[in-house]
Amino acid sequence: MTNYEIGRRKEYRCMGILKKQGAIWLRRSYGSHGIFDVTAVFPDKTLLIQVKSNYMSKQEYAILAEFAKRIKADNIHVEIWRFRKPRAKPEITRLK
């Protein structure tokens, strides 16, 4: 399985979890276009999510943290979801 396939599988897993949590709109950014892999809209909030298997570079983290800092709305959140073990719950880090 290629790295792309592994990443895609984790993104779809993330979307499945969000759908069960009540997301009314989900969007996956195909082919690594943009800084977020998944966007989820709920009735009361919006999540912008970067999905990782394990490693995130300092530069990539800094970009996400700076983006999160510039968001003025209280109901828009930037998160990093890490799926370190198969079938385990993701580790979720909310930036802001």
N, C-alpha and C. Protein backbone atom coordinates (compact mmCIF):
# COMPACT_ATOMS: atom_id res chain seq x y z
N MET A 1 0.85 -1.17 0.00
CA MET A 1 0.00 0.00 0.00
C MET A 1 0.90 1.25 0.00
N THR A 2 0.58 2.20 -0.84
CA THR A 2 1.39 3.42 -0.94
C THR A 2 1.06 4.38 0.20
N ASN A 3 1.94 5.36 0.41
CA ASN A 3 1.68 6.37 1.44
C ASN A 3 0.40 7.13 1.15
N TYR A 4 0.14 7.40 -0.13
CA TYR A 4 -1.10 8.09 -0.52
C TYR A 4 -2.31 7.27 -0.09
N GLU A 5 -2.29 5.97 -0.35
CA GLU A 5 -3.42 5.11 0.01
C GLU A 5 -3.62 5.03 1.53
N ILE A 6 -2.52 4.99 2.26
CA ILE A 6 -2.60 4.97 3.73
C ILE A 6 -3.22 6.27 4.24
N GLY A 7 -2.74 7.40 3.71
CA GLY A 7 -3.28 8.69 4.10
C GLY A 7 -4.74 8.84 3.74
N ARG A 8 -5.10 8.41 2.55
CA ARG A 8 -6.49 8.50 2.10
C ARG A 8 -7.40 7.67 3.00
N ARG A 9 -6.94 6.50 3.38
CA ARG A 9 -7.73 5.63 4.25
C ARG A 9 -7.98 6.31 5.61
N LYS A 10 -6.97 6.97 6.14
CA LYS A 10 -7.11 7.65 7.43
C LYS A 10 -8.04 8.86 7.30
N GLU A 11 -7.98 9.55 6.18
CA GLU A 11 -8.88 10.68 5.96
C GLU A 11 -10.34 10.21 5.90
N TYR A 12 -10.59 9.10 5.22
CA TYR A 12 -11.96 8.57 5.16
C TYR A 12 -12.41 8.07 6.53
N ARG A 13 -11.49 7.53 7.30
CA ARG A 13 -11.82 7.12 8.66
C ARG A 13 -12.21 8.33 9.51
N CYS A 14 -11.46 9.41 9.37
CA CYS A 14 -11.77 10.66 10.06
C CYS A 14 -13.17 11.13 9.66
N MET A 15 -13.48 11.10 8.38
CA MET A 15 -14.79 11.54 7.91
C MET A 15 -15.91 10.66 8.46
N GLY A 16 -15.65 9.37 8.59
CA GLY A 16 -16.65 8.47 9.16
C GLY A 16 -16.96 8.82 10.61
N ILE A 17 -15.92 9.11 11.37
CA ILE A 17 -16.10 9.51 12.77
C ILE A 17 -16.91 10.80 12.85
N LEU A 18 -16.56 11.76 12.01
CA LEU A 18 -17.26 13.06 12.01
C LEU A 18 -18.71 12.92 11.60
N LYS A 19 -18.98 12.04 10.65
CA LYS A 19 -20.36 11.81 10.21
C LYS A 19 -21.19 11.25 11.36
N LYS A 20 -20.60 10.31 12.12
CA LYS A 20 -21.31 9.74 13.27
C LYS A 20 -21.54 10.78 14.36
N GLN A 21 -20.68 11.80 14.42
CA GLN A 21 -20.82 12.87 15.40
C GLN A 21 -21.83 13.93 14.98
N GLY A 22 -22.36 13.81 13.76
CA GLY A 22 -23.41 14.72 13.32
C GLY A 22 -23.01 15.78 12.33
N ALA A 23 -21.89 15.62 11.65
CA ALA A 23 -21.49 16.60 10.64
C ALA A 23 -22.55 16.65 9.54
N ILE A 24 -22.91 17.86 9.13
CA ILE A 24 -23.92 18.00 8.08
C ILE A 24 -23.28 18.18 6.71
N TRP A 25 -21.97 18.45 6.67
CA TRP A 25 -21.26 18.59 5.40
C TRP A 25 -19.81 18.22 5.64
N LEU A 26 -19.28 17.34 4.78
CA LEU A 26 -17.89 16.91 4.87
C LEU A 26 -17.23 17.05 3.51
N ARG A 27 -15.97 17.46 3.54
CA ARG A 27 -15.23 17.63 2.29
C ARG A 27 -13.79 17.19 2.52
N ARG A 28 -13.30 16.36 1.62
CA ARG A 28 -11.91 15.92 1.66
C ARG A 28 -11.15 16.62 0.56
N SER A 29 -9.98 17.15 0.89
CA SER A 29 -9.14 17.83 -0.09
C SER A 29 -8.29 16.77 -0.79
N TYR A 30 -8.57 16.52 -2.04
CA TYR A 30 -7.89 15.48 -2.79
C TYR A 30 -6.49 15.90 -3.19
N GLY A 31 -5.56 14.98 -3.15
CA GLY A 31 -4.22 15.20 -3.67
C GLY A 31 -3.42 16.25 -2.94
N SER A 32 -3.66 16.42 -1.66
CA SER A 32 -2.90 17.37 -0.83
C SER A 32 -2.97 18.80 -1.32
N HIS A 33 -4.11 19.20 -1.86
CA HIS A 33 -4.31 20.59 -2.27
C HIS A 33 -4.85 21.37 -1.08
N GLY A 34 -4.08 22.28 -0.57
CA GLY A 34 -4.49 23.05 0.60
C GLY A 34 -3.82 22.51 1.85
N ILE A 35 -3.99 23.25 2.95
CA ILE A 35 -3.31 22.85 4.17
C ILE A 35 -4.18 21.94 5.04
N PHE A 36 -5.44 21.77 4.70
CA PHE A 36 -6.33 20.90 5.47
C PHE A 36 -6.77 19.72 4.63
N ASP A 37 -6.83 18.55 5.26
CA ASP A 37 -7.26 17.34 4.57
C ASP A 37 -8.78 17.20 4.57
N VAL A 38 -9.41 17.57 5.68
CA VAL A 38 -10.85 17.39 5.84
C VAL A 38 -11.45 18.67 6.41
N THR A 39 -12.59 19.06 5.85
CA THR A 39 -13.39 20.16 6.40
C THR A 39 -14.73 19.57 6.81
N ALA A 40 -15.15 19.85 8.04
CA ALA A 40 -16.42 19.34 8.55
C ALA A 40 -17.26 20.49 9.08
N VAL A 41 -18.50 20.54 8.64
CA VAL A 41 -19.42 21.58 9.10
C VAL A 41 -20.50 20.92 9.96
N PHE A 42 -20.65 21.43 11.16
CA PHE A 42 -21.70 21.02 12.08
C PHE A 42 -22.66 22.19 12.23
N PRO A 43 -23.84 21.97 12.80
CA PRO A 43 -24.77 23.10 12.98
C PRO A 43 -24.18 24.25 13.79
N ASP A 44 -23.26 23.94 14.73
CA ASP A 44 -22.75 24.98 15.62
C ASP A 44 -21.25 25.27 15.49
N LYS A 45 -20.55 24.56 14.60
CA LYS A 45 -19.11 24.77 14.46
C LYS A 45 -18.61 24.23 13.13
N THR A 46 -17.39 24.65 12.77
CA THR A 46 -16.71 24.14 11.59
C THR A 46 -15.32 23.69 12.02
N LEU A 47 -14.92 22.51 11.55
CA LEU A 47 -13.60 21.97 11.86
C LEU A 47 -12.75 21.91 10.59
N LEU A 48 -11.53 22.40 10.69
CA LEU A 48 -10.54 22.31 9.61
C LEU A 48 -9.47 21.37 10.13
N ILE A 49 -9.31 20.21 9.47
CA ILE A 49 -8.53 19.12 10.06
C ILE A 49 -7.38 18.70 9.15
N GLN A 50 -6.22 18.54 9.76
CA GLN A 50 -5.05 17.93 9.11
C GLN A 50 -4.93 16.53 9.72
N VAL A 51 -4.95 15.50 8.87
CA VAL A 51 -4.89 14.11 9.32
C VAL A 51 -3.46 13.60 9.14
N LYS A 52 -2.93 12.97 10.18
CA LYS A 52 -1.57 12.44 10.15
C LYS A 52 -1.54 11.02 10.68
N SER A 53 -0.59 10.25 10.18
CA SER A 53 -0.36 8.92 10.73
C SER A 53 0.49 9.03 11.99
N ASN A 54 1.50 9.89 11.92
CA ASN A 54 2.38 10.01 13.07
C ASN A 54 3.13 11.34 13.04
N TYR A 55 3.99 11.53 12.09
CA TYR A 55 4.95 12.63 12.07
C TYR A 55 4.38 13.89 11.43
N MET A 56 4.69 15.04 12.02
CA MET A 56 4.37 16.33 11.43
C MET A 56 5.60 17.22 11.59
N SER A 57 6.03 17.83 10.49
CA SER A 57 7.22 18.68 10.56
C SER A 57 6.92 19.95 11.35
N LYS A 58 7.96 20.56 11.88
CA LYS A 58 7.82 21.81 12.63
C LYS A 58 7.26 22.91 11.73
N GLN A 59 7.69 22.91 10.48
CA GLN A 59 7.23 23.93 9.53
C GLN A 59 5.73 23.77 9.27
N GLU A 60 5.28 22.55 9.07
CA GLU A 60 3.86 22.32 8.81
C GLU A 60 3.03 22.69 10.04
N TYR A 61 3.51 22.34 11.22
CA TYR A 61 2.81 22.70 12.45
C TYR A 61 2.74 24.22 12.61
N ALA A 62 3.82 24.90 12.30
CA ALA A 62 3.85 26.36 12.42
C ALA A 62 2.84 27.02 11.48
N ILE A 63 2.70 26.48 10.28
CA ILE A 63 1.73 27.02 9.32
C ILE A 63 0.31 26.87 9.86
N LEU A 64 0.00 25.68 10.38
CA LEU A 64 -1.33 25.44 10.93
C LEU A 64 -1.60 26.32 12.15
N ALA A 65 -0.61 26.45 13.03
CA ALA A 65 -0.77 27.25 14.24
C ALA A 65 -0.99 28.72 13.89
N GLU A 66 -0.26 29.23 12.91
CA GLU A 66 -0.42 30.62 12.49
C GLU A 66 -1.80 30.83 11.87
N PHE A 67 -2.25 29.89 11.05
CA PHE A 67 -3.58 29.98 10.45
C PHE A 67 -4.64 30.01 11.56
N ALA A 68 -4.52 29.10 12.53
CA ALA A 68 -5.50 29.03 13.62
C ALA A 68 -5.53 30.33 14.42
N LYS A 69 -4.37 30.92 14.62
CA LYS A 69 -4.28 32.15 15.40
C LYS A 69 -5.01 33.30 14.71
N ARG A 70 -5.05 33.28 13.39
CA ARG A 70 -5.67 34.38 12.63
C ARG A 70 -7.19 34.26 12.52
N ILE A 71 -7.74 33.12 12.88
CA ILE A 71 -9.19 32.94 12.81
C ILE A 71 -9.84 33.69 13.96
N LYS A 72 -10.76 34.56 13.65
CA LYS A 72 -11.41 35.39 14.66
C LYS A 72 -12.71 34.78 15.17
N ALA A 73 -13.34 33.92 14.39
CA ALA A 73 -14.61 33.32 14.80
C ALA A 73 -14.39 32.26 15.87
N ASP A 74 -15.24 32.25 16.87
CA ASP A 74 -15.12 31.28 17.97
C ASP A 74 -15.59 29.87 17.58
N ASN A 75 -16.35 29.76 16.51
CA ASN A 75 -16.90 28.46 16.15
C ASN A 75 -16.17 27.79 14.98
N ILE A 76 -14.98 28.27 14.63
CA ILE A 76 -14.14 27.63 13.61
C ILE A 76 -12.88 27.15 14.30
N HIS A 77 -12.60 25.86 14.19
CA HIS A 77 -11.48 25.26 14.91
C HIS A 77 -10.53 24.54 13.95
N VAL A 78 -9.24 24.66 14.21
CA VAL A 78 -8.21 23.95 13.47
C VAL A 78 -7.74 22.80 14.35
N GLU A 79 -7.75 21.58 13.78
CA GLU A 79 -7.36 20.41 14.54
C GLU A 79 -6.37 19.55 13.77
N ILE A 80 -5.55 18.83 14.52
CA ILE A 80 -4.67 17.81 13.95
C ILE A 80 -5.14 16.48 14.52
N TRP A 81 -5.46 15.54 13.63
CA TRP A 81 -5.88 14.21 14.05
C TRP A 81 -4.75 13.25 13.72
N ARG A 82 -4.25 12.54 14.73
CA ARG A 82 -3.19 11.55 14.52
C ARG A 82 -3.74 10.15 14.77
N PHE A 83 -3.61 9.29 13.77
CA PHE A 83 -3.99 7.90 13.89
C PHE A 83 -2.70 7.09 14.00
N ARG A 84 -2.25 6.85 15.22
CA ARG A 84 -0.97 6.17 15.43
C ARG A 84 -1.10 4.65 15.38
N LYS A 85 -2.23 4.10 15.84
CA LYS A 85 -2.42 2.65 15.87
C LYS A 85 -3.69 2.30 15.11
N PRO A 86 -3.69 1.17 14.41
CA PRO A 86 -4.90 0.74 13.71
C PRO A 86 -6.05 0.54 14.69
N ARG A 87 -7.20 0.98 14.29
CA ARG A 87 -8.46 0.82 15.03
C ARG A 87 -8.51 1.58 16.36
N ALA A 88 -7.47 2.33 16.68
CA ALA A 88 -7.48 3.12 17.91
C ALA A 88 -8.14 4.47 17.63
N LYS A 89 -8.64 5.11 18.67
CA LYS A 89 -9.20 6.45 18.52
C LYS A 89 -8.09 7.41 18.15
N PRO A 90 -8.41 8.43 17.38
CA PRO A 90 -7.36 9.40 17.01
C PRO A 90 -6.98 10.28 18.19
N GLU A 91 -5.73 10.72 18.18
CA GLU A 91 -5.29 11.75 19.12
C GLU A 91 -5.60 13.09 18.46
N ILE A 92 -6.38 13.92 19.12
CA ILE A 92 -6.83 15.18 18.52
C ILE A 92 -6.19 16.35 19.26
N THR A 93 -5.52 17.20 18.49
CA THR A 93 -4.93 18.41 19.02
C THR A 93 -5.66 19.60 18.40
N ARG A 94 -6.25 20.44 19.24
CA ARG A 94 -6.92 21.65 18.74
C ARG A 94 -5.97 22.82 18.89
N LEU A 95 -5.76 23.54 17.80
CA LEU A 95 -4.87 24.69 17.79
C LEU A 95 -5.66 25.98 17.93
N LYS A 96 -5.10 26.93 18.62
CA LYS A 96 -5.65 28.29 18.69
C LYS A 96 -5.08 29.07 19.79
